[in-house]
C-alpha atoms as a PDB file:
ATOM      1  CA  MET A   1     -32.111  34.745 -50.173  1.00  0.00           C
ATOM      2  CA  GLU A   2     -30.029  31.980 -48.581  1.00  0.00           C
ATOM      3  CA  PHE A   3     -30.202  31.003 -44.905  1.00  0.00           C
ATOM      4  CA  HIS A   4     -26.896  32.647 -43.987  1.00  0.00           C
ATOM      5  CA  GLU A   5     -28.069  35.937 -45.524  1.00  0.00           C
ATOM      6  CA  LYS A   6     -31.416  35.757 -43.729  1.00  0.00           C
ATOM      7  CA  LEU A   7     -29.763  35.088 -40.383  1.00  0.00           C
ATOM      8  CA  GLN A   8     -27.311  37.925 -40.837  1.00  0.00           C
ATOM      9  CA  GLU A   9     -30.137  40.283 -41.803  1.00  0.00           C
ATOM     10  CA  LEU A  10     -32.282  39.265 -38.816  1.00  0.00           C
ATOM     11  CA  ARG A  11     -29.361  39.768 -36.445  1.00  0.00           C
ATOM     12  CA  LYS A  12     -28.432  43.192 -37.815  1.00  0.00           C
ATOM     13  CA  ASN A  13     -32.061  44.358 -37.788  1.00  0.00           C
ATOM     14  CA  ARG A  14     -32.058  43.665 -34.051  1.00  0.00           C
ATOM     15  CA  GLY A  15     -28.771  45.520 -33.647  1.00  0.00           C
ATOM     16  CA  LEU A  16     -27.047  42.428 -32.297  1.00  0.00           C
ATOM     17  CA  THR A  17     -23.451  41.326 -32.578  1.00  0.00           C
ATOM     18  CA  GLN A  18     -22.590  37.694 -33.244  1.00  0.00           C
ATOM     19  CA  GLU A  19     -21.573  37.468 -29.593  1.00  0.00           C
ATOM     20  CA  ASP A  20     -24.985  38.782 -28.474  1.00  0.00           C
ATOM     21  CA  LEU A  21     -26.813  36.281 -30.657  1.00  0.00           C
ATOM     22  CA  SER A  22     -24.641  33.382 -29.527  1.00  0.00           C
ATOM     23  CA  GLU A  23     -25.495  34.162 -25.889  1.00  0.00           C
ATOM     24  CA  ALA A  24     -29.190  34.416 -26.694  1.00  0.00           C
ATOM     25  CA  LEU A  25     -29.210  31.065 -28.502  1.00  0.00           C
ATOM     26  CA  TYR A  26     -26.807  29.335 -26.059  1.00  0.00           C
ATOM     27  CA  VAL A  27     -24.323  28.430 -28.788  1.00  0.00           C
ATOM     28  CA  SER A  28     -20.739  29.476 -29.459  1.00  0.00           C
ATOM     29  CA  ARG A  29     -19.867  32.614 -31.417  1.00  0.00           C
ATOM     30  CA  THR A  30     -17.946  30.340 -33.782  1.00  0.00           C
ATOM     31  CA  ALA A  31     -21.206  28.560 -34.614  1.00  0.00           C
ATOM     32  CA  ILE A  32     -22.918  31.862 -35.464  1.00  0.00           C
ATOM     33  CA  SER A  33     -19.964  32.868 -37.627  1.00  0.00           C
ATOM     34  CA  LYS A  34     -20.078  29.509 -39.406  1.00  0.00           C
ATOM     35  CA  TRP A  35     -23.805  29.789 -40.102  1.00  0.00           C
ATOM     36  CA  GLU A  36     -23.585  33.381 -41.339  1.00  0.00           C
ATOM     37  CA  SER A  37     -20.687  32.609 -43.657  1.00  0.00           C
ATOM     38  CA  GLY A  38     -22.629  29.774 -45.284  1.00  0.00           C
ATOM     39  CA  ARG A  39     -20.140  27.126 -44.126  1.00  0.00           C
ATOM     40  CA  GLY A  40     -22.745  25.134 -42.235  1.00  0.00           C
ATOM     41  CA  TYR A  41     -26.292  24.949 -40.927  1.00  0.00           C
ATOM     42  CA  PRO A  42     -27.682  24.721 -37.394  1.00  0.00           C
ATOM     43  CA  ASN A  43     -29.300  21.525 -36.157  1.00  0.00           C
ATOM     44  CA  ILE A  44     -33.062  21.238 -35.724  1.00  0.00           C
ATOM     45  CA  ASP A  45     -33.019  22.377 -32.089  1.00  0.00           C
ATOM     46  CA  SER A  46     -30.972  25.487 -32.943  1.00  0.00           C
ATOM     47  CA  LEU A  47     -33.295  26.242 -35.848  1.00  0.00           C
ATOM     48  CA  LYS A  48     -36.230  26.178 -33.437  1.00  0.00           C
ATOM     49  CA  GLU A  49     -34.382  28.548 -31.096  1.00  0.00           C
ATOM     50  CA  ILE A  50     -33.634  30.945 -33.980  1.00  0.00           C
ATOM     51  CA  SER A  51     -37.248  30.735 -35.138  1.00  0.00           C
ATOM     52  CA  ASN A  52     -38.613  31.531 -31.671  1.00  0.00           C
ATOM     53  CA  TYR A  53     -36.072  34.262 -30.959  1.00  0.00           C
ATOM     54  CA  PHE A  54     -36.754  36.198 -34.152  1.00  0.00           C
ATOM     55  CA  SER A  55     -40.480  35.289 -34.274  1.00  0.00           C
ATOM     56  CA  VAL A  56     -40.266  33.750 -37.745  1.00  0.00           C
ATOM     57  CA  THR A  57     -41.168  30.294 -38.980  1.00  0.00           C
ATOM     58  CA  ILE A  58     -38.574  27.700 -39.831  1.00  0.00           C
ATOM     59  CA  ASP A  59     -39.982  27.700 -43.390  1.00  0.00           C
ATOM     60  CA  ASP A  60     -39.046  31.386 -43.602  1.00  0.00           C
ATOM     61  CA  LEU A  61     -35.459  30.489 -42.753  1.00  0.00           C
ATOM     62  CA  LEU A  62     -34.960  27.375 -44.861  1.00  0.00           C
ATOM     63  CA  SER A  63     -36.483  25.678 -47.884  1.00  0.00           C
ATOM     64  CA  GLY A  64     -38.255  22.374 -47.336  1.00  0.00           C
ATOM     65  CA  ASP A  65     -35.542  20.431 -49.174  1.00  0.00           C
ATOM     66  CA  LYS A  66     -32.752  21.935 -47.111  1.00  0.00           C
ATOM     67  CA  LEU A  67     -34.679  21.315 -43.884  1.00  0.00           C
ATOM     68  CA  LEU A  68     -35.196  17.677 -44.895  1.00  0.00           C
ATOM     69  CA  SER A  69     -31.493  17.357 -45.678  1.00  0.00           C
ATOM     70  CA  ILE A  70     -30.542  18.728 -42.246  1.00  0.00           C
ATOM     71  CA  ALA A  71     -33.010  16.393 -40.521  1.00  0.00           C
ATOM     72  CA  GLU A  72     -31.619  13.357 -42.383  1.00  0.00           C
ATOM     73  CA  LYS A  73     -28.044  14.332 -41.557  1.00  0.00           C
ATOM     74  CA  GLU A  74     -28.913  14.837 -37.889  1.00  0.00           C
ATOM     75  CA  ASN A  75     -30.706  11.483 -37.786  1.00  0.00           C
ATOM     76  CA  LYS A  76     -27.649   9.716 -39.230  1.00  0.00           C
ATOM     77  CA  SER A  77     -25.429  11.500 -36.728  1.00  0.00           C
ATOM     78  CA  ASN A  78     -27.674  10.402 -33.847  1.00  0.00           C
ATOM     79  CA  ILE A  79     -27.634   6.785 -35.053  1.00  0.00           C
ATOM     80  CA  THR A  80     -23.843   6.887 -35.343  1.00  0.00           C
ATOM     81  CA  SER A  81     -23.459   8.314 -31.829  1.00  0.00           C
ATOM     82  CA  MET A  82     -25.788   5.689 -30.398  1.00  0.00           C
ATOM     83  CA  CYS A  83     -23.886   2.881 -32.154  1.00  0.00           C
ATOM     84  CA  ASP A  84     -20.574   4.265 -30.876  1.00  0.00           C
ATOM     85  CA  LEU A  85     -21.929   4.446 -27.330  1.00  0.00           C
ATOM     86  CA  LEU A  86     -23.332   0.898 -27.452  1.00  0.00           C
ATOM     87  CA  PHE A  87     -20.091  -0.332 -29.019  1.00  0.00           C
ATOM     88  CA  GLY A  88     -18.184   1.097 -26.070  1.00  0.00           C
ATOM     89  CA  ILE A  89     -20.607  -0.411 -23.554  1.00  0.00           C
ATOM     90  CA  VAL A  90     -20.254  -3.863 -25.150  1.00  0.00           C
ATOM     91  CA  ASP A  91     -16.462  -3.585 -24.931  1.00  0.00           C
ATOM     92  CA  VAL A  92     -16.652  -2.576 -21.266  1.00  0.00           C
ATOM     93  CA  CYS A  93     -18.820  -5.671 -20.693  1.00  0.00           C
ATOM     94  CA  SER A  94     -15.668  -7.698 -21.425  1.00  0.00           C
ATOM     95  CA  PHE A  95     -14.998  -7.340 -17.673  1.00  0.00           C
ATOM     96  CA  MET A  96     -17.403 -10.298 -17.342  1.00  0.00           C
ATOM     97  CA  LEU A  97     -14.717 -12.492 -18.911  1.00  0.00           C
ATOM     98  CA  ILE A  98     -12.555 -11.643 -15.914  1.00  0.00           C
ATOM     99  CA  LEU A  99     -15.084 -11.812 -13.080  1.00  0.00           C
ATOM    100  CA  LEU A 100     -17.529 -14.561 -14.119  1.00  0.00           C
ATOM    101  CA  PRO A 101     -16.735 -18.233 -13.320  1.00  0.00           C
ATOM    102  CA  LEU A 102     -16.028 -19.323 -16.896  1.00  0.00           C
ATOM    103  CA  TYR A 103     -12.831 -21.330 -16.475  1.00  0.00           C
ATOM    104  CA  PRO A 104     -12.391 -24.960 -15.278  1.00  0.00           C
ATOM    105  CA  SER A 105     -10.610 -25.855 -12.063  1.00  0.00           C
ATOM    106  CA  THR A 106     -10.179 -29.471 -10.917  1.00  0.00           C
ATOM    107  CA  VAL A 107     -10.274 -30.138  -7.164  1.00  0.00           C
ATOM    108  CA  ASP A 108     -10.208 -33.698  -5.808  1.00  0.00           C
ATOM    109  CA  GLY A 109     -11.432 -35.086  -9.114  1.00  0.00           C
ATOM    110  CA  PHE A 110     -14.312 -32.599  -9.389  1.00  0.00           C
ATOM    111  CA  VAL A 111     -14.393 -29.820 -11.993  1.00  0.00           C
ATOM    112  CA  TYR A 112     -15.447 -26.404 -10.716  1.00  0.00           C
ATOM    113  CA  SER A 113     -15.814 -23.116 -12.525  1.00  0.00           C
ATOM    114  CA  VAL A 114     -13.673 -20.197 -11.403  1.00  0.00           C
ATOM    115  CA  ASN A 115     -13.041 -16.678 -12.610  1.00  0.00           C
ATOM    116  CA  LEU A 116      -9.860 -15.471 -14.286  1.00  0.00           C
ATOM    117  CA  LEU A 117      -8.527 -14.061 -11.020  1.00  0.00           C
ATOM    118  CA  THR A 118      -8.201 -17.562  -9.545  1.00  0.00           C
ATOM    119  CA  TYR A 119      -7.743 -19.554 -12.753  1.00  0.00           C
ATOM    120  CA  ALA A 120      -4.554 -21.599 -12.571  1.00  0.00           C
ATOM    121  CA  GLU A 121      -5.109 -24.614 -14.838  1.00  0.00           C
ATOM    122  CA  THR A 122      -3.623 -23.054 -17.943  1.00  0.00           C
ATOM    123  CA  THR A 123      -0.218 -21.794 -18.981  1.00  0.00           C
ATOM    124  CA  SER A 124       1.156 -18.497 -17.792  1.00  0.00           C
ATOM    125  CA  PHE A 125       1.327 -17.402 -21.425  1.00  0.00           C
ATOM    126  CA  ASN A 126      -2.384 -18.044 -21.932  1.00  0.00           C
ATOM    127  CA  ARG A 127      -3.327 -16.131 -18.799  1.00  0.00           C
ATOM    128  CA  PHE A 128      -1.111 -13.241 -19.878  1.00  0.00           C
ATOM    129  CA  ILE A 129      -2.807 -13.101 -23.297  1.00  0.00           C
ATOM    130  CA  TYR A 130      -6.260 -13.260 -21.672  1.00  0.00           C
ATOM    131  CA  TRP A 131      -5.461 -10.304 -19.424  1.00  0.00           C
ATOM    132  CA  VAL A 132      -3.970  -8.256 -22.268  1.00  0.00           C
ATOM    133  CA  LEU A 133      -6.950  -8.847 -24.571  1.00  0.00           C
ATOM    134  CA  PHE A 134      -9.646  -8.349 -21.917  1.00  0.00           C
ATOM    135  CA  VAL A 135      -8.116  -5.216 -20.381  1.00  0.00           C
ATOM    136  CA  SER A 136      -7.408  -3.768 -23.836  1.00  0.00           C
ATOM    137  CA  LEU A 137     -11.055  -4.241 -24.833  1.00  0.00           C
ATOM    138  CA  ILE A 138     -12.313  -2.680 -21.612  1.00  0.00           C
ATOM    139  CA  MET A 139     -10.036   0.334 -22.077  1.00  0.00           C
ATOM    140  CA  THR A 140     -11.087   0.641 -25.729  1.00  0.00           C
ATOM    141  CA  GLY A 141     -14.714   0.672 -24.609  1.00  0.00           C
ATOM    142  CA  VAL A 142     -14.048   3.385 -22.034  1.00  0.00           C
ATOM    143  CA  VAL A 143     -12.290   5.513 -24.649  1.00  0.00           C
ATOM    144  CA  LYS A 144     -15.177   5.101 -27.137  1.00  0.00           C
ATOM    145  CA  ILE A 145     -17.745   6.080 -24.501  1.00  0.00           C
ATOM    146  CA  LEU A 146     -15.730   9.169 -23.530  1.00  0.00           C
ATOM    147  CA  MET A 147     -15.229  10.165 -27.185  1.00  0.00           C
ATOM    148  CA  THR A 148     -18.971   9.836 -27.807  1.00  0.00           C
ATOM    149  CA  LYS A 149     -19.950  11.797 -24.702  1.00  0.00           C
ATOM    150  CA  LEU A 150     -17.419  14.549 -25.478  1.00  0.00           C
ATOM    151  CA  GLU A 151     -18.498  14.533 -29.161  1.00  0.00           C
ATOM    152  CA  ILE A 152     -14.971  13.867 -30.395  1.00  0.00           C
ATOM    153  CA  LYS A 153     -15.438  12.732 -33.999  1.00  0.00           C
ATOM    154  CA  LYS A 154     -11.837  12.194 -35.024  1.00  0.00           C
ATOM    155  CA  GLY A 155     -10.609   8.657 -34.456  1.00  0.00           C
ATOM    156  CA  HIS A 156     -14.012   6.968 -34.000  1.00  0.00           C
ATOM    157  CA  LYS A 157     -13.625   4.710 -37.039  1.00  0.00           C
ATOM    158  CA  MET A 158     -10.098   3.745 -36.061  1.00  0.00           C
ATOM    159  CA  MET A 159     -11.224   2.828 -32.530  1.00  0.00           C
ATOM    160  CA  THR A 160     -14.122   0.792 -33.953  1.00  0.00           C
ATOM    161  CA  ALA A 161     -11.766  -1.141 -36.254  1.00  0.00           C
ATOM    162  CA  PHE A 162      -9.327  -1.721 -33.375  1.00  0.00           C
ATOM    163  CA  SER A 163     -12.160  -2.940 -31.160  1.00  0.00           C
ATOM    164  CA  MET A 164     -13.370  -5.431 -33.782  1.00  0.00           C
ATOM    165  CA  LEU A 165      -9.821  -6.708 -34.305  1.00  0.00           C
ATOM    166  CA  LEU A 166      -9.350  -7.259 -30.576  1.00  0.00           C
ATOM    167  CA  SER A 167     -12.664  -9.128 -30.320  1.00  0.00           C
ATOM    168  CA  ILE A 168     -11.815 -11.389 -33.253  1.00  0.00           C
ATOM    169  CA  LEU A 169      -8.382 -12.146 -31.784  1.00  0.00           C
ATOM    170  CA  MET A 170      -9.991 -12.850 -28.430  1.00  0.00           C
ATOM    171  CA  VAL A 171     -12.478 -15.332 -29.890  1.00  0.00           C
ATOM    172  CA  LEU A 172      -9.773 -17.076 -31.917  1.00  0.00           C
ATOM    173  CA  PHE A 173      -7.399 -17.368 -28.969  1.00  0.00           C
ATOM    174  CA  LEU A 174     -10.105 -18.660 -26.619  1.00  0.00           C
ATOM    175  CA  ALA A 175     -11.077 -21.203 -29.283  1.00  0.00           C
ATOM    176  CA  LEU A 176      -7.479 -22.395 -29.620  1.00  0.00           C
ATOM    177  CA  ALA A 177      -7.228 -22.652 -25.834  1.00  0.00           C
ATOM    178  CA  ARG A 178     -10.554 -24.553 -25.761  1.00  0.00           C
ATOM    179  CA  GLU A 179     -12.138 -22.313 -23.145  1.00  0.00           C
ATOM    180  CA  ALA A 180     -15.717 -23.428 -23.873  1.00  0.00           C
ATOM    181  CA  TYR A 181     -17.680 -21.105 -21.584  1.00  0.00           C
ATOM    182  CA  ALA A 182     -15.496 -18.061 -22.122  1.00  0.00           C
ATOM    183  CA  ILE A 183     -15.634 -18.414 -25.898  1.00  0.00           C
ATOM    184  CA  MET A 184     -19.452 -18.498 -25.853  1.00  0.00           C
ATOM    185  CA  LEU A 185     -19.573 -15.167 -24.031  1.00  0.00           C
ATOM    186  CA  ALA A 186     -16.805 -13.649 -26.169  1.00  0.00           C
ATOM    187  CA  PHE A 187     -18.530 -14.785 -29.362  1.00  0.00           C
ATOM    188  CA  MET A 188     -21.855 -13.338 -28.178  1.00  0.00           C
ATOM    189  CA  LEU A 189     -20.203  -9.966 -27.556  1.00  0.00           C
ATOM    190  CA  LEU A 190     -18.584 -10.133 -31.017  1.00  0.00           C
ATOM    191  CA  VAL A 191     -21.944 -10.861 -32.672  1.00  0.00           C
ATOM    192  CA  ILE A 192     -23.543  -7.872 -30.906  1.00  0.00           C
ATOM    193  CA  LYS A 193     -20.712  -5.658 -32.147  1.00  0.00           C
ATOM    194  CA  GLY A 194     -21.132  -7.064 -35.644  1.00  0.00           C
ATOM    195  CA  VAL A 195     -24.815  -6.084 -35.634  1.00  0.00           C
ATOM    196  CA  LEU A 196     -23.915  -2.596 -34.397  1.00  0.00           C
ATOM    197  CA  LEU A 197     -21.242  -2.304 -37.084  1.00  0.00           C
ATOM    198  CA  LEU A 198     -23.777  -3.164 -39.804  1.00  0.00           C
ATOM    199  CA  LYS A 199     -26.136  -0.514 -38.407  1.00  0.00           C
ATOM    200  CA  TYR A 200     -23.210   1.923 -38.312  1.00  0.00           C
ATOM    201  CA  ILE A 201     -22.382   1.243 -41.979  1.00  0.00           C
ATOM    202  CA  LYS A 202     -26.032   1.493 -43.059  1.00  0.00           C
ATOM    203  CA  SER A 203     -26.282   4.915 -41.430  1.00  0.00           C
ATOM    204  CA  GLY A 204     -24.026   6.146 -44.219  1.00  0.00           C
ATOM    205  CA  VAL A 205     -20.945   7.230 -42.264  1.00  0.00           C
END
């Protein structure tokens, strides 16, 4: 007997509706319907709740192979979510390129470091590009964090690709403008994202 048949049988033996069971397990009725129709399986935590609620073992509900498969899938999903969250945090950290004193300013023959807000010794075009790239990265990071927290799966890969493209453009433009300190920080952030991207790819998504 398959899992969806076992769950349906356990529910009916208790005289419960799908709505009743969903309330008891703190999941949506749609989730119960999905599990009972064989279109999906619960995660490990939900399996434990089902096991405790019906006083059966998890082995009674699922075969060892299927349980292992669910655990592996959940582990990959957790790794992906963590990478997405860290990716977003790294992008938000681009605000440091605005607030930290990374840009040269000459006063009375002495060179001082100033932040982007007071940086004047470059062209207006360069400053405009800096602001567009930095703000775009920060906003991309915020969106990725929100998507991860709200468990919105659609669009994650597109946002990741867009984020990497922005970071590469930022490093290239800072290099062309010869902003030595800013490019070191921007390159460091790009390397961190590259490591996260490799981890993301290795997770199998």
